[in-house]
Amino acid sequence: MESVLKTVVATTPKPAQDALRSQLVSAGIPASAVEVSASKTPTGLDVDAIETAAKLDKDCVMGEIRDGQVSVSVLPVLASGKCFVGDSH
């Protein structure tokens, strides 16, 4: 996850939701395991940070891109079986 996000940020500091999802799937993460937050607000502005998650058994590998910087952490899967609360694409 971290290496993929760093590669993306090197070329696009504020990647779009679909482009980020595509890069993670291309790196071998199953599409069904990938969650990506919105890259634009409802009014069309860029978000401050875009987040992604990949579900791995009972853990979620969470990645965040904010101001061109990447951070990654591991959190437990939510009771819903997802990594994000609310909508994700």
N, C-alpha and C. Protein backbone atom coordinates (compact mmCIF):
# COMPACT_ATOMS: atom_id res chain seq x y z
N MET A 1 0.82 -1.18 0.00
CA MET A 1 0.00 0.00 0.00
C MET A 1 0.87 1.25 0.00
N GLU A 2 1.83 1.30 0.90
CA GLU A 2 2.66 2.50 1.02
C GLU A 2 3.44 2.78 -0.27
N SER A 3 4.03 1.75 -0.85
CA SER A 3 4.81 1.98 -2.07
C SER A 3 3.92 2.44 -3.23
N VAL A 4 2.72 1.89 -3.32
CA VAL A 4 1.79 2.31 -4.38
C VAL A 4 1.40 3.77 -4.19
N LEU A 5 1.05 4.13 -2.96
CA LEU A 5 0.64 5.51 -2.71
C LEU A 5 1.78 6.49 -2.95
N LYS A 6 2.99 6.13 -2.57
CA LYS A 6 4.14 7.01 -2.82
C LYS A 6 4.41 7.17 -4.31
N THR A 7 4.22 6.11 -5.07
CA THR A 7 4.38 6.19 -6.52
C THR A 7 3.33 7.12 -7.12
N VAL A 8 2.10 6.99 -6.66
CA VAL A 8 1.01 7.85 -7.15
C VAL A 8 1.30 9.30 -6.82
N VAL A 9 1.69 9.58 -5.58
CA VAL A 9 1.94 10.96 -5.14
C VAL A 9 3.10 11.59 -5.91
N ALA A 10 4.06 10.79 -6.31
CA ALA A 10 5.21 11.32 -7.05
C ALA A 10 4.79 11.96 -8.37
N THR A 11 3.71 11.46 -8.95
CA THR A 11 3.24 12.01 -10.23
C THR A 11 1.99 12.88 -10.07
N THR A 12 1.17 12.58 -9.05
CA THR A 12 -0.08 13.30 -8.84
C THR A 12 -0.31 13.50 -7.35
N PRO A 13 0.07 14.66 -6.80
CA PRO A 13 -0.08 14.89 -5.37
C PRO A 13 -1.52 14.82 -4.85
N LYS A 14 -2.50 15.07 -5.73
CA LYS A 14 -3.92 15.00 -5.36
C LYS A 14 -4.63 14.09 -6.36
N PRO A 15 -4.48 12.79 -6.22
CA PRO A 15 -5.08 11.87 -7.18
C PRO A 15 -6.60 11.82 -7.08
N ALA A 16 -7.23 11.50 -8.21
CA ALA A 16 -8.67 11.31 -8.24
C ALA A 16 -9.02 9.94 -7.68
N GLN A 17 -10.22 9.82 -7.16
CA GLN A 17 -10.70 8.60 -6.52
C GLN A 17 -10.55 7.39 -7.45
N ASP A 18 -11.05 7.48 -8.67
CA ASP A 18 -11.00 6.34 -9.59
C ASP A 18 -9.57 5.99 -9.99
N ALA A 19 -8.73 7.00 -10.17
CA ALA A 19 -7.33 6.75 -10.54
C ALA A 19 -6.59 6.03 -9.41
N LEU A 20 -6.86 6.45 -8.18
CA LEU A 20 -6.21 5.81 -7.03
C LEU A 20 -6.66 4.36 -6.90
N ARG A 21 -7.96 4.13 -7.04
CA ARG A 21 -8.49 2.77 -6.99
C ARG A 21 -7.82 1.91 -8.07
N SER A 22 -7.73 2.42 -9.27
CA SER A 22 -7.13 1.69 -10.38
C SER A 22 -5.68 1.32 -10.10
N GLN A 23 -4.93 2.23 -9.52
CA GLN A 23 -3.52 1.96 -9.21
C GLN A 23 -3.38 0.85 -8.16
N LEU A 24 -4.25 0.87 -7.16
CA LEU A 24 -4.19 -0.17 -6.12
C LEU A 24 -4.55 -1.54 -6.69
N VAL A 25 -5.57 -1.58 -7.53
CA VAL A 25 -5.96 -2.85 -8.15
C VAL A 25 -4.87 -3.33 -9.10
N SER A 26 -4.27 -2.41 -9.85
CA SER A 26 -3.17 -2.78 -10.75
C SER A 26 -1.97 -3.33 -9.99
N ALA A 27 -1.82 -2.91 -8.73
CA ALA A 27 -0.70 -3.39 -7.90
C ALA A 27 -0.99 -4.77 -7.30
N GLY A 28 -2.19 -5.30 -7.57
CA GLY A 28 -2.50 -6.65 -7.11
C GLY A 28 -3.46 -6.76 -5.95
N ILE A 29 -3.99 -5.65 -5.48
CA ILE A 29 -4.99 -5.70 -4.41
C ILE A 29 -6.34 -5.99 -5.05
N PRO A 30 -7.05 -7.02 -4.60
CA PRO A 30 -8.34 -7.35 -5.22
C PRO A 30 -9.31 -6.17 -5.14
N ALA A 31 -10.00 -5.89 -6.23
CA ALA A 31 -10.93 -4.76 -6.28
C ALA A 31 -11.97 -4.83 -5.18
N SER A 32 -12.40 -6.02 -4.84
CA SER A 32 -13.42 -6.19 -3.79
C SER A 32 -12.90 -5.82 -2.40
N ALA A 33 -11.59 -5.73 -2.24
CA ALA A 33 -11.00 -5.41 -0.94
C ALA A 33 -10.62 -3.93 -0.81
N VAL A 34 -10.77 -3.17 -1.89
CA VAL A 34 -10.32 -1.77 -1.92
C VAL A 34 -11.48 -0.81 -1.65
N GLU A 35 -11.25 0.13 -0.75
CA GLU A 35 -12.18 1.23 -0.50
C GLU A 35 -11.39 2.52 -0.66
N VAL A 36 -11.99 3.52 -1.32
CA VAL A 36 -11.32 4.80 -1.54
C VAL A 36 -12.31 5.92 -1.25
N SER A 37 -11.88 6.90 -0.47
CA SER A 37 -12.75 8.03 -0.15
C SER A 37 -12.88 8.96 -1.36
N ALA A 38 -13.81 9.88 -1.27
CA ALA A 38 -14.03 10.86 -2.34
C ALA A 38 -12.81 11.77 -2.48
N SER A 39 -12.54 12.15 -3.72
CA SER A 39 -11.43 13.07 -3.97
C SER A 39 -11.92 14.49 -4.20
N LYS A 40 -13.23 14.66 -4.29
CA LYS A 40 -13.85 15.98 -4.47
C LYS A 40 -15.00 16.13 -3.47
N THR A 41 -15.23 17.35 -3.04
CA THR A 41 -16.38 17.64 -2.18
C THR A 41 -17.63 17.67 -3.05
N PRO A 42 -18.81 17.66 -2.44
CA PRO A 42 -20.04 17.75 -3.24
C PRO A 42 -20.13 19.00 -4.11
N THR A 43 -19.38 20.05 -3.76
CA THR A 43 -19.38 21.28 -4.56
C THR A 43 -18.25 21.32 -5.58
N GLY A 44 -17.48 20.20 -5.70
CA GLY A 44 -16.44 20.12 -6.71
C GLY A 44 -15.05 20.56 -6.31
N LEU A 45 -14.86 20.87 -5.05
CA LEU A 45 -13.53 21.28 -4.58
C LEU A 45 -12.69 20.05 -4.24
N ASP A 46 -11.37 20.19 -4.30
CA ASP A 46 -10.48 19.11 -3.87
C ASP A 46 -10.62 18.90 -2.37
N VAL A 47 -10.57 17.64 -1.93
CA VAL A 47 -10.60 17.35 -0.50
C VAL A 47 -9.21 17.62 0.10
N ASP A 48 -9.15 17.79 1.41
CA ASP A 48 -7.87 18.01 2.08
C ASP A 48 -7.01 16.76 2.06
N ALA A 49 -7.68 15.59 2.14
CA ALA A 49 -6.96 14.31 2.15
C ALA A 49 -7.84 13.27 1.47
N ILE A 50 -7.20 12.33 0.79
CA ILE A 50 -7.91 11.20 0.23
C ILE A 50 -7.41 9.96 0.97
N GLU A 51 -8.33 9.11 1.33
CA GLU A 51 -7.96 7.92 2.10
C GLU A 51 -8.36 6.67 1.33
N THR A 52 -7.62 5.62 1.58
CA THR A 52 -7.91 4.34 0.96
C THR A 52 -7.70 3.24 1.99
N ALA A 53 -8.33 2.13 1.74
CA ALA A 53 -8.19 0.99 2.64
C ALA A 53 -8.22 -0.29 1.83
N ALA A 54 -7.49 -1.26 2.31
CA ALA A 54 -7.52 -2.60 1.74
C ALA A 54 -7.78 -3.58 2.87
N LYS A 55 -8.87 -4.31 2.76
CA LYS A 55 -9.23 -5.28 3.79
C LYS A 55 -8.38 -6.53 3.63
N LEU A 56 -7.77 -6.96 4.74
CA LEU A 56 -6.93 -8.15 4.75
C LEU A 56 -7.31 -8.95 5.98
N ASP A 57 -8.11 -9.97 5.78
CA ASP A 57 -8.64 -10.78 6.88
C ASP A 57 -9.40 -9.90 7.87
N LYS A 58 -8.91 -9.78 9.10
CA LYS A 58 -9.60 -9.00 10.12
C LYS A 58 -8.98 -7.61 10.31
N ASP A 59 -8.11 -7.23 9.39
CA ASP A 59 -7.44 -5.93 9.46
C ASP A 59 -7.72 -5.10 8.22
N CYS A 60 -7.59 -3.81 8.38
CA CYS A 60 -7.67 -2.87 7.27
C CYS A 60 -6.33 -2.14 7.19
N VAL A 61 -5.69 -2.21 6.04
CA VAL A 61 -4.48 -1.43 5.82
C VAL A 61 -4.98 -0.09 5.27
N MET A 62 -4.83 0.95 6.07
CA MET A 62 -5.35 2.28 5.75
C MET A 62 -4.22 3.17 5.23
N GLY A 63 -4.50 3.86 4.15
CA GLY A 63 -3.53 4.80 3.60
C GLY A 63 -4.16 6.17 3.45
N GLU A 64 -3.37 7.20 3.66
CA GLU A 64 -3.86 8.57 3.52
C GLU A 64 -2.85 9.38 2.73
N ILE A 65 -3.36 10.20 1.82
CA ILE A 65 -2.53 11.16 1.09
C ILE A 65 -3.03 12.54 1.49
N ARG A 66 -2.15 13.31 2.10
CA ARG A 66 -2.48 14.68 2.54
C ARG A 66 -1.26 15.57 2.26
N ASP A 67 -1.49 16.63 1.53
CA ASP A 67 -0.41 17.58 1.20
C ASP A 67 0.79 16.88 0.55
N GLY A 68 0.51 15.88 -0.28
CA GLY A 68 1.59 15.18 -0.97
C GLY A 68 2.35 14.20 -0.11
N GLN A 69 1.91 13.99 1.12
CA GLN A 69 2.57 13.06 2.03
C GLN A 69 1.70 11.82 2.22
N VAL A 70 2.35 10.69 2.40
CA VAL A 70 1.66 9.40 2.57
C VAL A 70 1.83 8.91 3.99
N SER A 71 0.74 8.44 4.59
CA SER A 71 0.84 7.75 5.86
C SER A 71 0.00 6.48 5.77
N VAL A 72 0.46 5.44 6.44
CA VAL A 72 -0.20 4.13 6.40
C VAL A 72 -0.30 3.59 7.82
N SER A 73 -1.43 2.99 8.13
CA SER A 73 -1.63 2.35 9.44
C SER A 73 -2.49 1.11 9.25
N VAL A 74 -2.55 0.30 10.28
CA VAL A 74 -3.38 -0.91 10.26
C VAL A 74 -4.40 -0.80 11.39
N LEU A 75 -5.67 -0.96 11.04
CA LEU A 75 -6.77 -0.88 11.99
C LEU A 75 -7.65 -2.10 11.85
N PRO A 76 -8.44 -2.42 12.87
CA PRO A 76 -9.33 -3.58 12.76
C PRO A 76 -10.49 -3.30 11.81
N VAL A 77 -11.00 -4.35 11.18
CA VAL A 77 -12.19 -4.26 10.34
C VAL A 77 -13.37 -3.87 11.23
N LEU A 78 -14.25 -3.03 10.71
CA LEU A 78 -15.44 -2.61 11.45
C LEU A 78 -16.46 -3.75 11.53
N ALA A 79 -17.41 -3.63 12.42
CA ALA A 79 -18.46 -4.64 12.58
C ALA A 79 -19.24 -4.87 11.29
N SER A 80 -19.28 -3.85 10.43
CA SER A 80 -19.98 -3.96 9.14
C SER A 80 -19.23 -4.84 8.15
N GLY A 81 -17.97 -5.17 8.47
CA GLY A 81 -17.14 -5.92 7.54
C GLY A 81 -16.37 -5.03 6.59
N LYS A 82 -16.52 -3.73 6.74
CA LYS A 82 -15.84 -2.74 5.90
C LYS A 82 -14.74 -2.04 6.69
N CYS A 83 -13.97 -1.23 5.98
CA CYS A 83 -12.94 -0.43 6.63
C CYS A 83 -13.40 1.01 6.88
N PHE A 84 -14.31 1.51 6.03
CA PHE A 84 -14.80 2.88 6.14
C PHE A 84 -16.21 2.89 6.70
N VAL A 85 -16.53 3.93 7.43
CA VAL A 85 -17.91 4.20 7.83
C VAL A 85 -18.48 5.11 6.75
N GLY A 86 -19.66 4.82 6.26
CA GLY A 86 -20.29 5.67 5.25
C GLY A 86 -19.91 5.24 3.84
N ASP A 87 -20.08 6.17 2.92
CA ASP A 87 -19.88 5.88 1.50
C ASP A 87 -18.43 5.84 1.11
N SER A 88 -18.11 4.92 0.24
CA SER A 88 -16.81 4.90 -0.43
C SER A 88 -17.04 4.27 -1.78
N HIS A 89 -16.15 4.53 -2.68
CA HIS A 89 -16.32 4.01 -4.05
C HIS A 89 -15.44 2.80 -4.23
